[in-house]
Amino acid sequence: MNPEFAAGLRSFLLQACNGEVTATERVVLAMPDGQMEHSPDSKSTPALKLAYHIVSSEIAFFEFCATGAMDKFMAPMPDDIKSGSDVIA
C-alpha cells in the first residue's frame, strides 16, 4: 500500500464514520422522552440504556483507534442520563 492510497482510504473511512455518527445522533434524538424505559420484552435492554451503549461504544471505538487504550470501553451508564439528548451530550 502506498502513502497516497493509505491517505485516500483514511479519508474515505473517516467520512463514512462521520456519516454513521450523524445517523446515530438523529436516531437517539428522535427517541420519545416518555418511552425511555420501553423494551420489547422484559429480558431486553430498555431503550435509553441501549442508546447509551451504542453511543458510548462508538466513542470508545474512536478513542481506541486514536490512542490504543481501551480504558473507557463499556463504562456503565451514569445516573444523570435521562434522555436522548443527555446521551448525545
N, C-alpha and C. Protein backbone atom coordinates (compact mmCIF):
# COMPACT_ATOMS: atom_id res chain seq x y z
N MET A 1 0.86 -1.17 0.00
CA MET A 1 0.00 0.00 0.00
C MET A 1 0.91 1.23 0.00
N ASN A 2 0.68 2.12 -0.94
CA ASN A 2 1.49 3.33 -0.99
C ASN A 2 0.83 4.44 -0.15
N PRO A 3 1.58 5.50 0.18
CA PRO A 3 1.06 6.56 1.05
C PRO A 3 -0.18 7.27 0.49
N GLU A 4 -0.24 7.44 -0.81
CA GLU A 4 -1.39 8.11 -1.41
C GLU A 4 -2.65 7.27 -1.25
N PHE A 5 -2.53 5.96 -1.46
CA PHE A 5 -3.67 5.06 -1.30
C PHE A 5 -4.12 5.04 0.16
N ALA A 6 -3.17 4.98 1.08
CA ALA A 6 -3.49 4.95 2.51
C ALA A 6 -4.21 6.23 2.92
N ALA A 7 -3.76 7.37 2.42
CA ALA A 7 -4.41 8.64 2.75
C ALA A 7 -5.83 8.69 2.19
N GLY A 8 -6.02 8.19 0.99
CA GLY A 8 -7.34 8.15 0.39
C GLY A 8 -8.27 7.21 1.15
N LEU A 9 -7.75 6.07 1.55
CA LEU A 9 -8.55 5.12 2.33
C LEU A 9 -8.93 5.71 3.67
N ARG A 10 -7.97 6.37 4.33
CA ARG A 10 -8.24 7.03 5.61
C ARG A 10 -9.35 8.06 5.45
N SER A 11 -9.27 8.87 4.42
CA SER A 11 -10.27 9.90 4.17
C SER A 11 -11.65 9.27 3.94
N PHE A 12 -11.70 8.23 3.15
CA PHE A 12 -12.96 7.53 2.88
C PHE A 12 -13.57 6.97 4.16
N LEU A 13 -12.75 6.31 4.98
CA LEU A 13 -13.26 5.70 6.21
C LEU A 13 -13.70 6.74 7.23
N LEU A 14 -12.95 7.85 7.35
CA LEU A 14 -13.36 8.91 8.26
C LEU A 14 -14.69 9.53 7.83
N GLN A 15 -14.88 9.71 6.54
CA GLN A 15 -16.13 10.26 6.04
C GLN A 15 -17.29 9.29 6.32
N ALA A 16 -17.06 8.00 6.13
CA ALA A 16 -18.09 7.00 6.42
C ALA A 16 -18.43 7.00 7.91
N CYS A 17 -17.42 7.08 8.75
CA CYS A 17 -17.65 7.11 10.21
C CYS A 17 -18.43 8.35 10.61
N ASN A 18 -18.10 9.49 10.03
CA ASN A 18 -18.84 10.71 10.34
C ASN A 18 -20.31 10.58 9.96
N GLY A 19 -20.59 9.92 8.86
CA GLY A 19 -21.97 9.68 8.46
C GLY A 19 -22.70 8.79 9.44
N GLU A 20 -22.02 7.78 9.96
CA GLU A 20 -22.63 6.89 10.95
C GLU A 20 -22.90 7.62 12.26
N VAL A 21 -21.99 8.47 12.67
CA VAL A 21 -22.18 9.24 13.90
C VAL A 21 -23.41 10.14 13.76
N THR A 22 -23.54 10.80 12.62
CA THR A 22 -24.68 11.68 12.37
C THR A 22 -25.99 10.90 12.39
N ALA A 23 -26.00 9.74 11.76
CA ALA A 23 -27.21 8.91 11.74
C ALA A 23 -27.58 8.44 13.14
N THR A 24 -26.59 8.02 13.91
CA THR A 24 -26.85 7.58 15.29
C THR A 24 -27.41 8.72 16.11
N GLU A 25 -26.85 9.90 15.96
CA GLU A 25 -27.32 11.07 16.70
C GLU A 25 -28.78 11.37 16.37
N ARG A 26 -29.15 11.33 15.10
CA ARG A 26 -30.54 11.60 14.71
C ARG A 26 -31.50 10.59 15.32
N VAL A 27 -31.13 9.31 15.30
CA VAL A 27 -31.99 8.26 15.85
C VAL A 27 -32.17 8.43 17.35
N VAL A 28 -31.08 8.68 18.07
CA VAL A 28 -31.15 8.83 19.53
C VAL A 28 -31.98 10.06 19.89
N LEU A 29 -31.79 11.16 19.20
CA LEU A 29 -32.55 12.38 19.50
C LEU A 29 -34.04 12.23 19.15
N ALA A 30 -34.39 11.30 18.30
CA ALA A 30 -35.79 11.08 17.92
C ALA A 30 -36.54 10.19 18.92
N MET A 31 -35.84 9.66 19.91
CA MET A 31 -36.50 8.80 20.90
C MET A 31 -37.49 9.63 21.72
N PRO A 32 -38.74 9.18 21.86
CA PRO A 32 -39.73 9.93 22.64
C PRO A 32 -39.35 9.95 24.12
N ASP A 33 -39.40 11.11 24.75
CA ASP A 33 -38.99 11.26 26.14
C ASP A 33 -39.75 10.35 27.10
N GLY A 34 -41.00 10.11 26.87
CA GLY A 34 -41.80 9.31 27.79
C GLY A 34 -41.62 7.81 27.64
N GLN A 35 -40.76 7.36 26.72
CA GLN A 35 -40.62 5.93 26.47
C GLN A 35 -39.20 5.43 26.63
N MET A 36 -38.43 6.06 27.49
CA MET A 36 -37.02 5.68 27.66
C MET A 36 -36.84 4.31 28.32
N GLU A 37 -37.85 3.86 29.04
CA GLU A 37 -37.75 2.55 29.69
C GLU A 37 -38.40 1.45 28.85
N HIS A 38 -38.86 1.80 27.64
CA HIS A 38 -39.51 0.81 26.78
C HIS A 38 -38.53 -0.28 26.35
N SER A 39 -39.00 -1.50 26.37
CA SER A 39 -38.26 -2.63 25.79
C SER A 39 -39.30 -3.62 25.27
N PRO A 40 -39.01 -4.30 24.18
CA PRO A 40 -39.99 -5.21 23.59
C PRO A 40 -40.26 -6.44 24.45
N ASP A 41 -39.39 -6.72 25.40
CA ASP A 41 -39.54 -7.89 26.26
C ASP A 41 -38.89 -7.57 27.60
N SER A 42 -39.34 -8.21 28.64
CA SER A 42 -38.77 -7.94 29.97
C SER A 42 -37.29 -8.32 30.05
N LYS A 43 -36.85 -9.19 29.16
CA LYS A 43 -35.44 -9.59 29.14
C LYS A 43 -34.57 -8.66 28.29
N SER A 44 -35.22 -7.77 27.55
CA SER A 44 -34.50 -6.86 26.65
C SER A 44 -33.99 -5.63 27.39
N THR A 45 -32.97 -5.01 26.84
CA THR A 45 -32.42 -3.78 27.39
C THR A 45 -33.37 -2.62 27.08
N PRO A 46 -33.68 -1.77 28.08
CA PRO A 46 -34.54 -0.61 27.82
C PRO A 46 -33.90 0.35 26.81
N ALA A 47 -34.75 1.13 26.14
CA ALA A 47 -34.32 2.00 25.05
C ALA A 47 -33.19 2.95 25.44
N LEU A 48 -33.29 3.60 26.60
CA LEU A 48 -32.28 4.57 26.99
C LEU A 48 -30.93 3.89 27.22
N LYS A 49 -30.92 2.76 27.88
CA LYS A 49 -29.66 2.06 28.13
C LYS A 49 -29.05 1.55 26.82
N LEU A 50 -29.90 1.12 25.90
CA LEU A 50 -29.41 0.66 24.60
C LEU A 50 -28.81 1.83 23.82
N ALA A 51 -29.48 2.98 23.84
CA ALA A 51 -28.94 4.16 23.15
C ALA A 51 -27.60 4.56 23.75
N TYR A 52 -27.50 4.56 25.07
CA TYR A 52 -26.24 4.91 25.72
C TYR A 52 -25.14 3.92 25.32
N HIS A 53 -25.48 2.65 25.30
CA HIS A 53 -24.49 1.63 24.93
C HIS A 53 -23.97 1.86 23.51
N ILE A 54 -24.87 2.14 22.58
CA ILE A 54 -24.48 2.35 21.18
C ILE A 54 -23.56 3.57 21.07
N VAL A 55 -23.96 4.68 21.66
CA VAL A 55 -23.17 5.91 21.56
C VAL A 55 -21.83 5.76 22.28
N SER A 56 -21.85 5.22 23.50
CA SER A 56 -20.58 5.09 24.23
C SER A 56 -19.65 4.09 23.56
N SER A 57 -20.20 3.08 22.88
CA SER A 57 -19.36 2.14 22.15
C SER A 57 -18.68 2.81 20.96
N GLU A 58 -19.44 3.69 20.25
CA GLU A 58 -18.84 4.43 19.14
C GLU A 58 -17.70 5.30 19.64
N ILE A 59 -17.93 6.02 20.73
CA ILE A 59 -16.90 6.91 21.29
C ILE A 59 -15.68 6.10 21.72
N ALA A 60 -15.92 4.99 22.43
CA ALA A 60 -14.81 4.15 22.89
C ALA A 60 -14.01 3.60 21.72
N PHE A 61 -14.70 3.21 20.64
CA PHE A 61 -14.01 2.70 19.47
C PHE A 61 -13.10 3.75 18.85
N PHE A 62 -13.62 4.98 18.70
CA PHE A 62 -12.81 6.04 18.11
C PHE A 62 -11.63 6.40 19.01
N GLU A 63 -11.86 6.42 20.32
CA GLU A 63 -10.75 6.70 21.24
C GLU A 63 -9.71 5.59 21.18
N PHE A 64 -10.16 4.35 21.06
CA PHE A 64 -9.23 3.23 20.93
C PHE A 64 -8.39 3.38 19.66
N CYS A 65 -9.04 3.73 18.55
CA CYS A 65 -8.30 3.91 17.29
C CYS A 65 -7.27 5.02 17.41
N ALA A 66 -7.61 6.07 18.14
CA ALA A 66 -6.71 7.22 18.26
C ALA A 66 -5.59 6.99 19.25
N THR A 67 -5.88 6.25 20.35
CA THR A 67 -4.90 6.16 21.43
C THR A 67 -4.39 4.75 21.69
N GLY A 68 -5.15 3.75 21.27
CA GLY A 68 -4.79 2.37 21.56
C GLY A 68 -5.20 1.92 22.95
N ALA A 69 -5.83 2.79 23.72
CA ALA A 69 -6.26 2.46 25.09
C ALA A 69 -7.73 2.10 25.11
N MET A 70 -8.08 1.08 25.88
CA MET A 70 -9.48 0.65 25.99
C MET A 70 -10.04 0.91 27.38
N ASP A 71 -9.52 1.90 28.09
CA ASP A 71 -9.93 2.12 29.47
C ASP A 71 -11.35 2.64 29.62
N LYS A 72 -11.92 3.25 28.59
CA LYS A 72 -13.30 3.77 28.68
C LYS A 72 -14.32 2.83 28.03
N PHE A 73 -13.90 1.69 27.58
CA PHE A 73 -14.81 0.79 26.87
C PHE A 73 -15.79 0.15 27.85
N MET A 74 -17.05 0.19 27.51
CA MET A 74 -18.14 -0.45 28.26
C MET A 74 -18.31 0.13 29.66
N ALA A 75 -18.16 1.43 29.81
CA ALA A 75 -18.41 2.08 31.10
C ALA A 75 -19.90 2.05 31.39
N PRO A 76 -20.29 1.88 32.64
CA PRO A 76 -21.72 1.87 32.97
C PRO A 76 -22.35 3.24 32.72
N MET A 77 -23.65 3.25 32.46
CA MET A 77 -24.35 4.49 32.19
C MET A 77 -24.45 5.33 33.47
N PRO A 78 -24.04 6.60 33.42
CA PRO A 78 -24.16 7.47 34.60
C PRO A 78 -25.63 7.69 34.98
N ASP A 79 -25.88 7.93 36.24
CA ASP A 79 -27.25 8.11 36.74
C ASP A 79 -27.92 9.37 36.21
N ASP A 80 -27.14 10.37 35.77
CA ASP A 80 -27.74 11.62 35.31
C ASP A 80 -28.20 11.57 33.85
N ILE A 81 -28.05 10.45 33.18
CA ILE A 81 -28.53 10.28 31.81
C ILE A 81 -30.02 9.93 31.88
N LYS A 82 -30.88 10.84 31.39
CA LYS A 82 -32.33 10.65 31.49
C LYS A 82 -33.05 10.74 30.16
N SER A 83 -32.35 11.20 29.09
CA SER A 83 -33.00 11.41 27.80
C SER A 83 -32.01 11.18 26.67
N GLY A 84 -32.53 11.16 25.45
CA GLY A 84 -31.69 11.01 24.28
C GLY A 84 -30.68 12.15 24.16
N SER A 85 -31.12 13.36 24.49
CA SER A 85 -30.18 14.49 24.41
C SER A 85 -29.09 14.39 25.46
N ASP A 86 -29.38 13.78 26.62
CA ASP A 86 -28.32 13.52 27.61
C ASP A 86 -27.30 12.55 27.05
N VAL A 87 -27.77 11.53 26.35
CA VAL A 87 -26.87 10.54 25.76
C VAL A 87 -25.95 11.21 24.75
N ILE A 88 -26.51 12.04 23.89
CA ILE A 88 -25.72 12.71 22.86
C ILE A 88 -24.72 13.70 23.48
N ALA A 89 -25.15 14.39 24.53
CA ALA A 89 -24.24 15.35 25.19
C ALA A 89 -23.07 14.60 25.79
